[in-house]
Amino acid sequence: MTSLSKPAEAPGAIRSLIPARIDRLPWSPFHTRMVAALGTAWILDGLEITVAGAVVDRLTEPETLGLSGTEVGLIATVYLLGEVVGALWFGRLSDKLGRRKLFMITLAVYLVGSGLTALTLGNGPGWVAFLYVTRFIAGMGIGGEYAAIHSAIDELIPARYRGRVDIMVSGTYWAGAVLGTLGTFILLNALEPSTGWRIAFLIGPVLGLVILLVRRHLPESPRWQVVHGREAEAEETIAYIEHEVEHGGRSLPAVDESRAIELKPTPDIGYAALTRVLFREYPARAVYGATLMVTQSFLYNAIFFTYVLVLGTYYDVDSGDAPLFLIAFAVGNLAGPFVLGHLFDTVGRKKMIAGTYVLSGVLLAVTAGLFQAGALNAYTQTIAWSVIFFFASAGASSAYLTVSEIFPMEVRAKAIAVFFAIAQCFGALGPVVYGSLIGDGSQPIRLFWGYMLGAAVMVVGGVVAAVLGIDAEGKSLEDVATPFAARRPATRAEGAARPRG
């Protein structure tokens, strides 16, 4: 077994091989279990969004809650607001207290929030307020999941697999969408109205409860432990992981001693300091991450939240049949990250991110032209969207990968939270803008220009990726963004400055 620490050159510093030991690991059943247990955050979010969207019409009926259109519309808004608050709050705690504590806490918060939603028993002011509070809590849990989960996955996955794994995990949002669509389609049609919507909101918590039990056996990120001065705990954790890998029948290659890194723990960095770090030390990376997150969020929220409205307004699709079209759309989104994900590790981050963004934008522009010409019907429109988002989904997933890996270890979860919050705020404009463009369907030219706007937004994201993109494929996280705690030995990076922009 390789020793964690050797004498460091600077007083109080730790000479660590932890990152090298993680990155040299072969893929093993341990990694598969870890990804399965942690990757459910995206499945649960896709499930929650789909279930909420599917039941809102039912909640206006007198035999359920009898909510007004305005009250129903606020449900999604409150949930998204909860995601933003949760990402920011739990993101800071994840950097401060550790990944493992937070991915247990955030899932528990989600379970409580979503489970309590089903207990909304009336439509009086108190019960409506209760409904909003529970949706806010559920959103907080999922928002916090994003920050803790991406940090943990990126820090525990070997560098050569990091891109494809992160992208595929993000893509599983659409597996949740399919599950939510099928579940609500069955429940709302097979059960009494007052019962079906409640059980639909319990699908996620039942799945989450099972995953919570599996997560109990996952370790803390040894990268986080050693950067925070917990070298003995980090040694125990990496030894446990190595044992698990070897127990799965895989042999471990020797550790490259030249990959050692000197670390001297630094104080916790708050959001005010983080802002200075991002825009003073990493201005180009900050612009790059924000652009990728904002552009994909705007496009997705614009199309996804008005999807059924377009089908009904322009193609006379009955609301009862809309879920079947949604499944086809979701399958295209799910397939993209799984088919293209490995290319982000082989062809490279920069080329693939720029390519998927630009290609999805161009395809959307072509589809907009066909829409305006009246050449599409409900089926061909859905096929076109499925093809567009086959590429856009891989690109959107890479945005989360990017903001997770291009900033230092000490601020990783907070950086994810900040860019997620920014993306959600801009993305919230999409449904409002496109909803007004759709109107009563009498002026399709307005929606045509809306689609052209979405296409231009994605192309801009691709161009920024081509100019500011970072070739992070196959590289250790510490090579992509040096931790603030790092003091590299001269044999490895003599005179090297902390990477900027």
Protein backbone atom coordinates (compact mmCIF):
# COMPACT_ATOMS: atom_id res chain seq x y z
CA MET A 1 0.00 0.00 0.00
CA THR A 2 1.30 3.41 -0.94
CA SER A 3 1.70 5.86 1.90
CA LEU A 4 -0.41 8.97 1.85
CA SER A 5 2.13 11.41 3.21
CA LYS A 6 5.85 11.91 3.02
CA PRO A 7 7.84 14.77 4.52
CA ALA A 8 6.83 18.04 2.88
CA GLU A 9 9.16 20.86 2.07
CA ALA A 10 7.08 23.57 3.78
CA PRO A 11 6.16 23.62 7.49
CA GLY A 12 2.53 22.57 8.04
CA ALA A 13 2.17 21.21 4.52
CA ILE A 14 1.19 17.67 3.53
CA ARG A 15 2.84 15.87 0.65
CA SER A 16 0.01 13.81 -0.81
CA LEU A 17 -0.46 11.17 -3.47
CA ILE A 18 -4.24 11.07 -2.98
CA PRO A 19 -5.15 12.57 -6.39
CA ALA A 20 -2.67 10.30 -8.17
CA ARG A 21 -4.00 7.23 -6.36
CA ILE A 22 -7.57 8.06 -7.37
CA ASP A 23 -6.71 8.78 -11.01
CA ARG A 24 -4.67 5.58 -11.47
CA LEU A 25 -7.63 3.37 -10.44
CA PRO A 26 -9.21 1.15 -13.11
CA TRP A 27 -12.99 1.12 -13.45
CA SER A 28 -14.50 -1.29 -10.94
CA PRO A 29 -17.81 -2.37 -9.40
CA PHE A 30 -17.14 0.21 -6.67
CA HIS A 31 -17.31 3.01 -9.22
CA THR A 32 -20.47 1.57 -10.74
CA ARG A 33 -22.17 1.44 -7.34
CA MET A 34 -21.05 4.95 -6.52
CA VAL A 35 -22.36 6.43 -9.75
CA ALA A 36 -25.66 4.55 -9.42
CA ALA A 37 -26.14 5.82 -5.86
CA LEU A 38 -25.14 9.43 -6.51
CA GLY A 39 -26.49 9.90 -10.02
CA THR A 40 -30.10 9.63 -8.89
CA ALA A 41 -30.19 13.38 -8.17
CA TRP A 42 -30.86 14.07 -11.84
CA ILE A 43 -33.40 11.27 -12.12
CA LEU A 44 -35.31 12.69 -9.16
CA ASP A 45 -35.30 16.22 -10.60
CA GLY A 46 -36.57 15.00 -13.97
CA LEU A 47 -39.20 12.98 -12.14
CA GLU A 48 -40.30 15.92 -9.96
CA ILE A 49 -40.55 18.40 -12.84
CA THR A 50 -42.51 15.95 -14.99
CA VAL A 51 -44.88 14.87 -12.23
CA ALA A 52 -45.59 18.47 -11.24
CA GLY A 53 -46.22 19.42 -14.87
CA ALA A 54 -48.50 16.42 -15.41
CA VAL A 55 -50.72 16.93 -12.36
CA VAL A 56 -51.19 20.70 -12.43
CA ASP A 57 -54.28 20.50 -14.63
CA ARG A 58 -55.77 17.91 -12.26
CA LEU A 59 -55.15 20.18 -9.26
CA THR A 60 -57.57 22.76 -10.70
CA GLU A 61 -60.47 20.31 -10.46
CA PRO A 62 -62.91 20.72 -7.52
CA GLU A 63 -62.52 17.06 -6.45
CA THR A 64 -58.75 17.61 -5.87
CA LEU A 65 -57.55 21.00 -4.59
CA GLY A 66 -59.53 23.33 -6.84
CA LEU A 67 -56.59 25.67 -7.35
CA SER A 68 -56.78 28.69 -9.64
CA GLY A 69 -54.59 28.98 -12.72
CA THR A 70 -52.36 31.49 -10.94
CA GLU A 71 -51.96 29.24 -7.90
CA VAL A 72 -51.06 26.30 -10.11
CA GLY A 73 -48.53 28.36 -12.08
CA LEU A 74 -46.72 29.33 -8.90
CA ILE A 75 -46.00 25.69 -8.02
CA ALA A 76 -43.20 25.38 -10.60
CA THR A 77 -41.87 28.84 -9.76
CA VAL A 78 -41.61 28.03 -6.06
CA TYR A 79 -39.88 24.71 -6.81
CA LEU A 80 -37.29 26.38 -9.06
CA LEU A 81 -36.71 29.09 -6.44
CA GLY A 82 -36.15 26.36 -3.88
CA GLU A 83 -33.55 24.78 -6.18
CA VAL A 84 -31.62 28.04 -6.38
CA VAL A 85 -31.68 28.62 -2.62
CA GLY A 86 -30.79 24.99 -1.93
CA ALA A 87 -27.88 25.00 -4.36
CA LEU A 88 -26.39 28.13 -2.78
CA TRP A 89 -26.99 27.10 0.82
CA PHE A 90 -25.96 23.46 0.60
CA GLY A 91 -23.20 24.23 -1.91
CA ARG A 92 -21.34 26.22 0.71
CA LEU A 93 -21.94 23.55 3.33
CA SER A 94 -20.63 20.88 0.96
CA ASP A 95 -17.31 22.71 0.60
CA LYS A 96 -17.19 23.33 4.34
CA LEU A 97 -18.50 20.10 5.87
CA GLY A 98 -17.80 17.51 3.18
CA ARG A 99 -19.47 15.83 0.23
CA ARG A 100 -20.80 12.77 2.03
CA LYS A 101 -22.64 14.61 4.79
CA LEU A 102 -24.33 16.84 2.27
CA PHE A 103 -25.40 14.21 -0.25
CA MET A 104 -27.10 12.43 2.65
CA ILE A 105 -28.71 15.61 4.01
CA THR A 106 -29.89 16.98 0.67
CA LEU A 107 -31.58 13.71 -0.31
CA ALA A 108 -33.30 13.60 3.08
CA VAL A 109 -34.53 17.18 2.60
CA TYR A 110 -35.97 16.23 -0.78
CA LEU A 111 -37.70 13.16 0.70
CA VAL A 112 -39.38 15.25 3.37
CA GLY A 113 -40.46 18.02 1.00
CA SER A 114 -41.86 15.85 -1.77
CA GLY A 115 -43.46 13.40 0.64
CA LEU A 116 -45.27 16.17 2.50
CA THR A 117 -46.63 17.59 -0.76
CA ALA A 118 -48.94 14.57 -0.99
CA LEU A 119 -50.42 15.54 2.40
CA THR A 120 -51.93 18.80 1.13
CA LEU A 121 -55.49 18.13 2.25
CA GLY A 122 -57.43 21.22 1.24
CA ASN A 123 -57.49 24.38 -0.86
CA GLY A 124 -57.79 27.00 1.86
CA PRO A 125 -55.07 29.68 2.21
CA GLY A 126 -53.26 27.64 4.86
CA TRP A 127 -53.18 24.48 2.75
CA VAL A 128 -52.08 26.35 -0.37
CA ALA A 129 -49.24 27.88 1.65
CA PHE A 130 -48.39 24.38 2.91
CA LEU A 131 -48.24 23.14 -0.69
CA TYR A 132 -45.83 25.91 -1.68
CA VAL A 133 -43.62 25.34 1.36
CA THR A 134 -43.31 21.63 0.62
CA ARG A 135 -42.47 22.27 -3.04
CA PHE A 136 -39.85 24.82 -1.94
CA ILE A 137 -38.30 22.28 0.45
CA ALA A 138 -38.23 19.59 -2.26
CA GLY A 139 -36.56 22.06 -4.61
CA MET A 140 -33.97 22.94 -1.98
CA GLY A 141 -33.06 19.30 -1.62
CA ILE A 142 -32.59 18.79 -5.36
CA GLY A 143 -30.65 22.06 -5.78
CA GLY A 144 -28.33 21.03 -2.96
CA GLU A 145 -27.93 17.61 -4.57
CA TYR A 146 -26.47 19.16 -7.71
CA ALA A 147 -23.67 20.90 -5.84
CA ALA A 148 -22.76 17.97 -3.58
CA ILE A 149 -23.20 15.21 -6.16
CA HIS A 150 -21.15 16.68 -9.01
CA SER A 151 -18.35 17.53 -6.58
CA ALA A 152 -18.28 14.00 -5.18
CA ILE A 153 -18.44 12.27 -8.56
CA ASP A 154 -15.72 14.38 -10.15
CA GLU A 155 -13.42 13.95 -7.15
CA LEU A 156 -13.86 10.17 -6.94
CA ILE A 157 -13.88 9.20 -10.62
CA PRO A 158 -10.49 8.57 -12.34
CA ALA A 159 -9.60 11.39 -14.73
CA ARG A 160 -9.85 9.32 -17.92
CA TYR A 161 -13.51 8.48 -17.18
CA ARG A 162 -14.61 11.76 -15.60
CA GLY A 163 -16.12 13.41 -18.67
CA ARG A 164 -18.33 10.58 -19.88
CA VAL A 165 -19.51 9.66 -16.38
CA ASP A 166 -20.47 13.21 -15.44
CA ILE A 167 -22.24 13.77 -18.75
CA MET A 168 -24.17 10.50 -18.58
CA VAL A 169 -25.19 11.20 -14.98
CA SER A 170 -26.57 14.60 -15.99
CA GLY A 171 -28.38 12.99 -18.90
CA THR A 172 -30.32 10.70 -16.58
CA TYR A 173 -32.60 13.66 -15.87
CA TRP A 174 -34.51 12.38 -18.86
CA ALA A 175 -34.80 8.88 -17.44
CA GLY A 176 -36.60 10.58 -14.56
CA ALA A 177 -38.79 12.42 -17.05
CA VAL A 178 -39.77 9.15 -18.74
CA LEU A 179 -40.46 7.52 -15.37
CA GLY A 180 -42.52 10.49 -14.24
CA THR A 181 -44.48 10.62 -17.49
CA LEU A 182 -45.34 6.91 -17.45
CA GLY A 183 -46.12 6.96 -13.74
CA THR A 184 -48.47 9.93 -13.86
CA PHE A 185 -50.08 8.72 -17.11
CA ILE A 186 -51.01 5.46 -15.40
CA LEU A 187 -51.91 6.87 -11.98
CA LEU A 188 -54.01 9.78 -13.20
CA ASN A 189 -56.02 7.54 -15.49
CA ALA A 190 -56.33 4.47 -13.24
CA LEU A 191 -57.08 6.07 -9.86
CA GLU A 192 -59.55 8.56 -8.46
CA PRO A 193 -58.45 12.18 -9.07
CA SER A 194 -57.95 12.90 -5.36
CA THR A 195 -55.72 9.82 -4.98
CA GLY A 196 -53.75 9.64 -8.23
CA TRP A 197 -51.95 12.99 -7.95
CA ARG A 198 -50.89 12.27 -4.36
CA ILE A 199 -49.38 8.89 -5.19
CA ALA A 200 -47.65 10.48 -8.19
CA PHE A 201 -45.80 12.83 -5.82
CA LEU A 202 -44.72 9.79 -3.77
CA ILE A 203 -42.92 8.05 -6.67
CA GLY A 204 -39.78 10.13 -6.13
CA PRO A 205 -39.59 9.74 -2.34
CA VAL A 206 -39.99 5.95 -2.60
CA LEU A 207 -37.08 5.80 -5.06
CA GLY A 208 -35.10 8.29 -2.99
CA LEU A 209 -35.57 6.29 0.21
CA VAL A 210 -33.99 3.24 -1.41
CA ILE A 211 -31.08 5.31 -2.69
CA LEU A 212 -30.59 6.91 0.74
CA LEU A 213 -29.93 3.45 2.17
CA VAL A 214 -27.39 2.70 -0.58
CA ARG A 215 -25.57 6.02 -0.06
CA ARG A 216 -24.92 5.19 3.57
CA HIS A 217 -22.09 2.92 2.46
CA LEU A 218 -20.32 5.45 0.23
CA PRO A 219 -17.10 7.11 1.49
CA GLU A 220 -16.21 10.77 1.79
CA SER A 221 -14.13 12.33 -0.97
CA PRO A 222 -10.48 11.77 0.09
CA ARG A 223 -9.56 14.81 -2.00
CA TRP A 224 -11.81 16.95 0.20
CA GLN A 225 -10.41 15.33 3.36
CA VAL A 226 -6.75 15.91 2.56
CA VAL A 227 -7.29 19.50 1.40
CA HIS A 228 -8.98 20.18 4.73
CA GLY A 229 -6.05 18.71 6.69
CA ARG A 230 -7.71 15.40 7.57
CA GLU A 231 -4.82 13.32 6.30
CA ALA A 232 -5.44 10.28 8.52
CA GLU A 233 -9.10 10.12 7.46
CA ALA A 234 -8.08 10.58 3.83
CA GLU A 235 -5.66 7.66 4.12
CA GLU A 236 -8.37 5.44 5.57
CA THR A 237 -10.79 6.43 2.80
CA ILE A 238 -8.41 5.89 -0.12
CA ALA A 239 -7.30 2.57 1.41
CA TYR A 240 -10.95 1.52 1.62
CA ILE A 241 -11.55 2.49 -2.02
CA GLU A 242 -8.42 0.66 -3.19
CA HIS A 243 -9.50 -2.41 -1.22
CA GLU A 244 -12.94 -2.28 -2.85
CA VAL A 245 -11.38 -2.04 -6.31
CA GLU A 246 -9.02 -4.95 -5.63
CA HIS A 247 -11.85 -6.96 -4.07
CA GLY A 248 -13.70 -6.53 -7.38
CA GLY A 249 -10.92 -8.41 -9.12
CA ARG A 250 -8.93 -5.50 -10.51
CA SER A 251 -5.19 -5.04 -10.01
CA LEU A 252 -3.78 -1.60 -9.23
CA PRO A 253 -0.88 -0.11 -11.22
CA ALA A 254 1.98 1.52 -9.37
CA VAL A 255 1.57 5.13 -8.25
CA ASP A 256 3.64 7.73 -10.08
CA GLU A 257 5.56 9.40 -7.26
CA SER A 258 6.15 12.48 -9.42
CA ARG A 259 2.40 13.17 -9.19
CA ALA A 260 2.68 14.06 -5.51
CA ILE A 261 1.27 17.43 -4.50
CA GLU A 262 1.99 19.56 -1.43
CA LEU A 263 -1.09 20.87 0.34
CA LYS A 264 -1.45 23.37 3.14
CA PRO A 265 -5.08 23.67 4.31
CA THR A 266 -6.65 27.10 3.80
CA PRO A 267 -9.60 28.81 5.52
CA ASP A 268 -13.13 28.35 4.21
CA ILE A 269 -13.99 30.71 1.35
CA GLY A 270 -17.42 32.40 1.41
CA TYR A 271 -19.47 33.57 -1.53
CA ALA A 272 -18.12 37.12 -1.42
CA ALA A 273 -14.56 35.82 -1.63
CA LEU A 274 -15.64 33.30 -4.26
CA THR A 275 -16.90 36.11 -6.50
CA ARG A 276 -13.52 37.81 -6.27
CA VAL A 277 -11.76 34.53 -6.99
CA LEU A 278 -13.88 33.76 -10.04
CA PHE A 279 -13.65 37.14 -11.70
CA ARG A 280 -10.17 38.18 -10.56
CA GLU A 281 -8.19 34.96 -10.88
CA TYR A 282 -10.35 33.04 -13.36
CA PRO A 283 -12.22 35.69 -15.39
CA ALA A 284 -12.21 33.76 -18.69
CA ARG A 285 -13.31 30.56 -16.96
CA ALA A 286 -16.07 32.42 -15.15
CA VAL A 287 -17.39 33.86 -18.41
CA TYR A 288 -17.05 30.46 -20.07
CA GLY A 289 -18.93 28.59 -17.34
CA ALA A 290 -21.68 31.20 -17.09
CA THR A 291 -22.19 31.25 -20.86
CA LEU A 292 -22.53 27.48 -21.14
CA MET A 293 -24.96 27.29 -18.22
CA VAL A 294 -27.12 30.25 -19.22
CA THR A 295 -27.46 29.35 -22.90
CA GLN A 296 -28.44 25.72 -22.34
CA SER A 297 -30.84 26.63 -19.53
CA PHE A 298 -32.60 29.26 -21.65
CA LEU A 299 -33.08 26.84 -24.54
CA TYR A 300 -34.23 23.93 -22.41
CA ASN A 301 -36.70 25.86 -20.31
CA ALA A 302 -38.05 27.61 -23.39
CA ILE A 303 -38.72 24.41 -25.33
CA PHE A 304 -39.49 21.91 -22.58
CA PHE A 305 -41.96 23.99 -20.58
CA THR A 306 -43.92 24.98 -23.73
CA TYR A 307 -43.64 21.60 -25.47
CA VAL A 308 -47.20 20.45 -24.77
CA LEU A 309 -48.55 23.94 -25.48
CA VAL A 310 -47.01 23.92 -28.98
CA LEU A 311 -48.40 20.46 -29.73
CA GLY A 312 -51.88 21.46 -28.66
CA THR A 313 -51.93 24.94 -30.21
CA TYR A 314 -50.40 24.23 -33.61
CA TYR A 315 -50.99 20.49 -34.13
CA ASP A 316 -54.25 19.88 -32.21
CA VAL A 317 -52.74 17.17 -30.04
CA ASP A 318 -55.10 16.22 -27.21
CA SER A 319 -53.66 16.83 -23.75
CA GLY A 320 -54.28 13.18 -22.90
CA ASP A 321 -51.98 12.06 -25.73
CA ALA A 322 -49.25 14.63 -25.07
CA PRO A 323 -47.31 12.37 -22.64
CA LEU A 324 -46.63 9.92 -25.47
CA PHE A 325 -44.94 12.68 -27.47
CA LEU A 326 -43.04 13.76 -24.37
CA ILE A 327 -41.59 10.26 -23.98
CA ALA A 328 -40.15 10.38 -27.50
CA PHE A 329 -38.62 13.79 -26.75
CA ALA A 330 -37.16 12.48 -23.48
CA VAL A 331 -35.67 9.40 -25.14
CA GLY A 332 -33.74 11.60 -27.58
CA ASN A 333 -32.42 13.66 -24.69
CA LEU A 334 -31.42 10.55 -22.75
CA ALA A 335 -29.67 8.91 -25.71
CA GLY A 336 -27.40 11.88 -26.51
CA PRO A 337 -25.22 11.84 -23.37
CA PHE A 338 -24.95 8.04 -23.38
CA VAL A 339 -24.00 7.78 -27.06
CA LEU A 340 -21.75 10.84 -27.23
CA GLY A 341 -20.41 10.97 -23.66
CA HIS A 342 -17.21 9.01 -24.26
CA LEU A 343 -16.21 11.42 -27.03
CA PHE A 344 -15.77 14.18 -24.46
CA ASP A 345 -12.91 12.09 -23.03
CA THR A 346 -11.43 11.01 -26.39
CA VAL A 347 -12.10 13.68 -29.01
CA GLY A 348 -11.85 16.28 -26.25
CA ARG A 349 -13.92 18.72 -24.19
CA LYS A 350 -13.38 21.81 -26.31
CA LYS A 351 -14.26 20.27 -29.67
CA MET A 352 -17.26 18.33 -28.40
CA ILE A 353 -18.78 21.14 -26.34
CA ALA A 354 -18.44 23.64 -29.18
CA GLY A 355 -19.69 21.07 -31.68
CA THR A 356 -22.80 19.99 -29.77
CA TYR A 357 -23.82 23.57 -29.00
CA VAL A 358 -23.37 24.85 -32.55
CA LEU A 359 -24.92 21.79 -34.20
CA SER A 360 -28.01 21.88 -31.98
CA GLY A 361 -28.39 25.60 -32.74
CA VAL A 362 -28.12 25.04 -36.49
CA LEU A 363 -30.60 22.16 -36.40
CA LEU A 364 -33.06 24.30 -34.43
CA ALA A 365 -32.78 27.04 -37.05
CA VAL A 366 -33.53 24.52 -39.81
CA THR A 367 -36.52 23.19 -37.85
CA ALA A 368 -37.76 26.74 -37.32
CA GLY A 369 -37.76 27.25 -41.09
CA LEU A 370 -39.72 24.03 -41.63
CA PHE A 371 -42.18 25.06 -38.92
CA GLN A 372 -42.78 28.44 -40.52
CA ALA A 373 -43.24 26.80 -43.93
CA GLY A 374 -45.93 24.53 -42.52
CA ALA A 375 -43.93 21.44 -43.45
CA LEU A 376 -44.19 19.76 -40.03
CA ASN A 377 -46.88 17.85 -38.18
CA ALA A 378 -46.95 16.68 -34.57
CA TYR A 379 -44.88 13.59 -35.36
CA THR A 380 -42.22 15.20 -37.55
CA GLN A 381 -41.96 18.14 -35.14
CA THR A 382 -41.31 15.70 -32.30
CA ILE A 383 -38.74 13.80 -34.37
CA ALA A 384 -36.98 17.08 -35.18
CA TRP A 385 -36.90 18.10 -31.53
CA SER A 386 -35.61 14.66 -30.54
CA VAL A 387 -32.72 14.94 -33.00
CA ILE A 388 -31.90 18.51 -31.94
CA PHE A 389 -31.84 17.64 -28.27
CA PHE A 390 -29.88 14.44 -28.86
CA PHE A 391 -26.95 16.82 -29.38
CA ALA A 392 -28.17 19.64 -27.11
CA SER A 393 -28.57 17.27 -24.16
CA ALA A 394 -24.93 16.15 -24.38
CA GLY A 395 -23.90 19.81 -24.63
CA ALA A 396 -26.05 20.87 -21.70
CA SER A 397 -24.67 18.03 -19.57
CA SER A 398 -21.14 19.13 -20.43
CA ALA A 399 -21.92 22.56 -18.98
CA TYR A 400 -22.33 21.02 -15.52
CA LEU A 401 -19.16 19.01 -16.03
CA THR A 402 -17.29 22.16 -17.00
CA VAL A 403 -18.22 24.32 -14.01
CA SER A 404 -17.42 21.38 -11.74
CA GLU A 405 -13.89 20.73 -12.97
CA ILE A 406 -12.41 24.12 -13.98
CA PHE A 407 -12.32 25.73 -10.51
CA PRO A 408 -10.22 24.83 -7.44
CA MET A 409 -11.17 22.08 -5.04
CA GLU A 410 -11.98 24.43 -2.14
CA VAL A 411 -14.75 26.24 -4.06
CA ARG A 412 -15.99 23.48 -6.37
CA ALA A 413 -19.44 22.96 -4.84
CA LYS A 414 -20.01 26.69 -4.39
CA ALA A 415 -18.99 27.35 -8.00
CA ILE A 416 -21.48 24.76 -9.22
CA ALA A 417 -24.15 26.37 -7.03
CA VAL A 418 -23.44 29.90 -8.28
CA PHE A 419 -23.55 28.97 -11.95
CA PHE A 420 -26.60 26.77 -11.43
CA ALA A 421 -28.39 29.69 -9.76
CA ILE A 422 -27.43 32.07 -12.57
CA ALA A 423 -28.63 29.57 -15.16
CA GLN A 424 -31.95 29.03 -13.41
CA CYS A 425 -32.61 32.77 -13.18
CA PHE A 426 -31.99 33.30 -16.90
CA GLY A 427 -33.66 30.04 -17.82
CA ALA A 428 -36.83 31.11 -16.03
CA LEU A 429 -37.26 33.75 -18.72
CA GLY A 430 -37.62 31.09 -21.42
CA PRO A 431 -41.14 29.81 -20.65
CA VAL A 432 -42.42 33.37 -20.19
CA VAL A 433 -40.98 34.60 -23.49
CA TYR A 434 -42.03 31.56 -25.52
CA GLY A 435 -45.44 31.31 -23.87
CA SER A 436 -46.20 34.86 -25.04
CA LEU A 437 -44.84 34.12 -28.52
CA ILE A 438 -47.13 31.10 -28.88
CA GLY A 439 -50.22 33.03 -27.80
CA ASP A 440 -53.36 31.68 -29.41
CA GLY A 441 -51.44 30.25 -32.38
CA SER A 442 -52.67 32.82 -34.88
CA GLN A 443 -49.18 34.25 -35.54
CA PRO A 444 -46.71 31.39 -36.02
CA ILE A 445 -44.12 33.86 -37.35
CA ARG A 446 -43.59 35.02 -33.77
CA LEU A 447 -42.67 31.53 -32.63
CA PHE A 448 -40.43 31.16 -35.68
CA TRP A 449 -38.38 34.14 -34.52
CA GLY A 450 -38.42 32.72 -31.01
CA TYR A 451 -36.88 29.51 -32.30
CA MET A 452 -34.30 31.51 -34.22
CA LEU A 453 -33.43 33.31 -30.99
CA GLY A 454 -32.93 29.97 -29.24
CA ALA A 455 -30.75 28.79 -32.12
CA ALA A 456 -28.61 31.92 -31.93
CA VAL A 457 -28.22 31.54 -28.17
CA MET A 458 -26.85 28.00 -28.55
CA VAL A 459 -24.49 29.01 -31.37
CA VAL A 460 -23.12 31.78 -29.14
CA GLY A 461 -22.47 29.18 -26.44
CA GLY A 462 -20.61 27.04 -28.97
CA VAL A 463 -18.47 29.92 -30.20
CA VAL A 464 -17.53 30.85 -26.62
CA ALA A 465 -16.58 27.20 -26.01
CA ALA A 466 -14.38 27.20 -29.12
CA VAL A 467 -12.59 30.35 -27.95
CA LEU A 468 -12.42 29.91 -24.16
CA GLY A 469 -12.77 26.13 -23.83
CA ILE A 470 -10.32 24.14 -21.70
CA ASP A 471 -8.83 20.80 -22.73
CA ALA A 472 -9.52 19.03 -19.45
CA GLU A 473 -9.90 15.51 -20.84
CA GLY A 474 -7.72 12.92 -19.13
CA LYS A 475 -6.23 15.47 -16.74
CA SER A 476 -6.27 15.34 -12.97
CA LEU A 477 -8.55 17.91 -11.36
CA GLU A 478 -5.47 19.41 -9.71
CA ASP A 479 -3.91 19.97 -13.13
CA VAL A 480 -7.05 21.59 -14.51
CA ALA A 481 -7.32 23.96 -11.51
CA THR A 482 -4.65 23.98 -8.82
CA PRO A 483 -6.14 23.89 -5.29
CA PHE A 484 -5.50 27.00 -3.21
CA ALA A 485 -3.91 24.70 -0.65
CA ALA A 486 -1.41 23.30 -3.14
CA ARG A 487 2.34 23.86 -2.99
CA ARG A 488 3.79 21.85 -5.86
CA PRO A 489 7.29 20.42 -5.55
CA ALA A 490 9.88 21.89 -7.89
CA THR A 491 10.31 18.53 -9.62
CA ARG A 492 6.75 18.74 -10.84
CA ALA A 493 5.95 22.35 -11.57
CA GLU A 494 8.92 24.53 -10.89
CA GLY A 495 7.95 28.15 -10.73
CA ALA A 496 4.44 27.37 -11.99
CA ALA A 497 1.83 29.98 -11.19
CA ARG A 498 -1.71 29.20 -10.24
CA PRO A 499 -3.67 28.78 -13.51
CA ARG A 500 -5.76 31.77 -14.50
CA GLY A 501 -8.59 32.36 -16.87
